[in-house]
């Protein structure tokens, strides 16, 4: 209260105070002064940050473009999920698992936990086949069905499950 009162409740003015000025306030020691400086610096950086345009994912080809950097040229299987907001804009890409030459495990509960934590309304799954085979395996099909059914219960749409290989994607 004293800090704000000394600057007539002007946060901009308060943010321009020095370490010594903060330490000169009753009840604020060196640690508190550093904490205040750090908080104002974070605020400045947040305000200066340019809003990053999140890509919109509206097709399998745009999903492929977003994930190919993570999944191309790997010699082992990985399973990734892209989480999207209601405008089909990318919120995050998460590697769910990394496996061996012919398989990896994708835990539906973990996938949905990330979706809930990120407040996603849709998602697109993707994994690679180092063998080069673009055909989905029976476990791939079962996982897709299981993920689709589970996500529907959470009102989260599974839009696609892509398989990446040297020749492209399925």
Protein backbone atom coordinates (compact mmCIF):
# COMPACT_ATOMS: atom_id res chain seq x y z
CA UNK A 1 0.00 0.00 0.00
CA UNK A 2 2.82 2.36 0.87
CA UNK A 3 4.52 1.73 -2.46
CA UNK A 4 1.38 2.55 -4.42
CA UNK A 5 0.52 5.52 -2.21
CA UNK A 6 3.97 7.03 -2.86
CA UNK A 7 3.27 7.07 -6.61
CA UNK A 8 -0.45 8.00 -6.46
CA UNK A 9 -1.45 4.47 -7.49
CA UNK A 10 0.44 4.84 -10.79
CA UNK A 11 1.79 1.39 -11.73
CA UNK A 12 3.84 2.82 -14.60
CA UNK A 13 5.65 5.11 -12.18
CA UNK A 14 6.08 2.25 -9.70
CA UNK A 15 7.60 0.10 -12.46
CA UNK A 16 10.30 2.73 -13.00
CA UNK A 17 11.58 2.56 -9.42
CA UNK A 18 15.09 1.31 -8.74
CA UNK A 19 16.26 -1.44 -6.43
CA UNK A 20 17.37 1.15 -3.88
CA UNK A 21 14.02 2.94 -4.00
CA UNK A 22 12.18 -0.30 -3.31
CA UNK A 23 14.56 -1.21 -0.47
CA UNK A 24 13.99 2.24 1.03
CA UNK A 25 10.33 1.40 1.63
CA UNK A 26 9.47 0.17 5.10
CA UNK A 27 9.02 -3.60 5.21
CA UNK A 28 10.76 -4.31 1.91
CA UNK A 29 14.19 -5.88 2.08
CA UNK A 30 16.60 -6.83 -0.64
CA UNK A 31 14.74 -10.06 -1.56
CA UNK A 32 11.41 -8.24 -1.79
CA UNK A 33 12.95 -5.47 -3.87
CA UNK A 34 14.44 -7.99 -6.31
CA UNK A 35 11.07 -9.77 -6.50
CA UNK A 36 9.33 -6.52 -7.39
CA UNK A 37 11.92 -5.68 -10.05
CA UNK A 38 11.53 -9.17 -11.54
CA UNK A 39 7.73 -8.86 -11.58
CA UNK A 40 7.85 -5.53 -13.39
CA UNK A 41 10.40 -6.86 -15.87
CA UNK A 42 8.15 -9.83 -16.65
CA UNK A 43 5.26 -7.44 -17.16
CA UNK A 44 7.34 -5.32 -19.56
CA UNK A 45 8.41 -8.38 -21.54
CA UNK A 46 4.85 -9.66 -21.75
CA UNK A 47 3.61 -6.31 -23.03
CA UNK A 48 6.44 -6.09 -25.55
CA UNK A 49 5.84 -9.59 -26.89
CA UNK A 50 4.29 -9.59 -30.32
CA UNK A 51 1.27 -11.83 -30.46
CA UNK A 52 2.39 -14.92 -32.30
CA UNK A 53 0.01 -15.98 -35.01
CA UNK A 54 -1.03 -19.54 -34.43
CA UNK A 55 -1.39 -21.54 -37.62
CA UNK A 56 -4.86 -22.69 -38.60
CA UNK A 57 -5.18 -26.40 -39.33
CA UNK A 58 -8.05 -27.00 -41.75
CA UNK A 59 -6.92 -30.04 -43.72
CA UNK A 60 -4.80 -33.15 -43.56
CA UNK A 61 -2.19 -31.41 -45.71
CA UNK A 62 -1.90 -28.47 -43.29
CA UNK A 63 -1.66 -30.95 -40.40
CA UNK A 64 1.06 -32.79 -42.32
CA UNK A 65 2.95 -29.52 -42.80
CA UNK A 66 2.86 -28.82 -39.07
CA UNK A 67 4.03 -32.27 -37.96
CA UNK A 68 6.40 -33.35 -40.71
CA UNK A 69 9.39 -31.64 -39.09
CA UNK A 70 8.92 -33.75 -35.99
CA UNK A 71 8.25 -37.07 -37.70
CA UNK A 72 10.18 -37.20 -40.97
CA UNK A 73 13.53 -38.96 -41.12
CA UNK A 74 13.18 -40.72 -37.76
CA UNK A 75 14.50 -44.26 -37.46
CA UNK A 76 12.10 -45.05 -34.61
CA UNK A 77 8.38 -44.50 -34.09
CA UNK A 78 7.01 -41.46 -32.31
CA UNK A 79 3.42 -40.48 -31.56
CA UNK A 80 2.49 -36.78 -31.53
CA UNK A 81 -0.74 -34.88 -31.00
CA UNK A 82 -1.60 -31.38 -32.14
CA UNK A 83 -4.07 -29.62 -29.88
CA UNK A 84 -6.38 -27.04 -31.43
CA UNK A 85 -8.75 -24.36 -30.18
CA UNK A 86 -12.33 -23.87 -31.41
CA UNK A 87 -11.06 -21.80 -34.34
CA UNK A 88 -8.84 -24.71 -35.49
CA UNK A 89 -5.75 -22.78 -34.45
CA UNK A 90 -2.80 -24.72 -33.12
CA UNK A 91 -2.39 -24.44 -29.35
CA UNK A 92 0.46 -26.92 -28.96
CA UNK A 93 2.21 -29.95 -30.41
CA UNK A 94 3.14 -32.64 -27.89
CA UNK A 95 5.21 -35.78 -28.28
CA UNK A 96 3.18 -38.41 -26.48
CA UNK A 97 5.61 -41.28 -26.87
CA UNK A 98 8.80 -42.42 -28.49
CA UNK A 99 9.26 -46.09 -29.21
CA UNK A 100 11.19 -48.63 -31.15
CA UNK A 101 11.59 -49.55 -34.80
CA UNK A 102 8.12 -51.01 -35.21
CA UNK A 103 5.92 -49.45 -32.57
CA UNK A 104 5.26 -47.01 -29.78
CA UNK A 105 2.64 -46.82 -27.05
CA UNK A 106 0.16 -43.96 -26.98
CA UNK A 107 -1.79 -43.63 -23.73
CA UNK A 108 -5.28 -42.25 -24.39
CA UNK A 109 -5.52 -40.93 -20.83
CA UNK A 110 -2.34 -38.91 -21.22
CA UNK A 111 -3.49 -37.55 -24.58
CA UNK A 112 -6.78 -36.40 -23.06
CA UNK A 113 -5.07 -34.98 -19.97
CA UNK A 114 -3.01 -32.70 -22.23
CA UNK A 115 -6.15 -31.74 -24.14
CA UNK A 116 -7.90 -30.75 -20.92
CA UNK A 117 -4.86 -28.92 -19.54
CA UNK A 118 -4.52 -26.95 -22.78
CA UNK A 119 -8.28 -26.32 -23.04
CA UNK A 120 -8.26 -27.84 -26.51
CA UNK A 121 -11.52 -28.47 -28.34
CA UNK A 122 -9.99 -30.59 -31.08
CA UNK A 123 -6.88 -32.61 -31.78
CA UNK A 124 -5.03 -34.33 -34.58
CA UNK A 125 -2.85 -37.34 -33.89
CA UNK A 126 0.13 -38.39 -35.95
CA UNK A 127 2.82 -41.00 -35.87
CA UNK A 128 5.47 -42.27 -38.23
CA UNK A 129 6.23 -45.64 -39.76
CA UNK A 130 10.02 -45.87 -40.20
CA UNK A 131 9.42 -48.90 -42.43
CA UNK A 132 7.95 -46.59 -45.07
CA UNK A 133 4.62 -48.42 -45.07
CA UNK A 134 1.74 -45.92 -45.18
CA UNK A 135 -0.95 -48.50 -44.48
CA UNK A 136 -2.41 -48.27 -40.97
CA UNK A 137 -1.86 -51.39 -38.90
CA UNK A 138 -4.64 -53.03 -36.93
CA UNK A 139 -3.27 -51.52 -33.66
CA UNK A 140 -3.27 -48.09 -35.39
CA UNK A 141 -6.94 -48.50 -36.29
CA UNK A 142 -7.87 -49.71 -32.78
CA UNK A 143 -6.03 -46.79 -31.16
CA UNK A 144 -7.76 -44.28 -33.44
CA UNK A 145 -11.19 -45.72 -32.58
CA UNK A 146 -10.41 -45.78 -28.87
CA UNK A 147 -9.09 -42.21 -28.90
CA UNK A 148 -12.08 -40.98 -30.92
CA UNK A 149 -14.59 -42.61 -28.57
CA UNK A 150 -12.85 -41.40 -25.41
CA UNK A 151 -12.44 -37.86 -26.69
CA UNK A 152 -16.12 -37.66 -27.67
CA UNK A 153 -17.02 -38.20 -24.01
CA UNK A 154 -14.96 -35.11 -23.21
CA UNK A 155 -16.48 -33.03 -26.06
CA UNK A 156 -13.11 -32.95 -27.78
CA UNK A 157 -13.03 -33.79 -31.47
CA UNK A 158 -10.40 -36.10 -32.92
CA UNK A 159 -10.15 -34.64 -36.41
CA UNK A 160 -7.60 -37.01 -37.91
CA UNK A 161 -4.83 -39.52 -37.27
CA UNK A 162 -2.02 -39.19 -39.79
CA UNK A 163 0.66 -41.75 -40.57
CA UNK A 164 3.97 -40.37 -41.84
CA UNK A 165 6.47 -42.22 -44.01
CA UNK A 166 9.17 -41.37 -46.53
CA UNK A 167 6.62 -41.34 -49.37
CA UNK A 168 4.26 -38.86 -47.71
CA UNK A 169 1.38 -39.43 -45.35
CA UNK A 170 -1.89 -41.33 -44.99
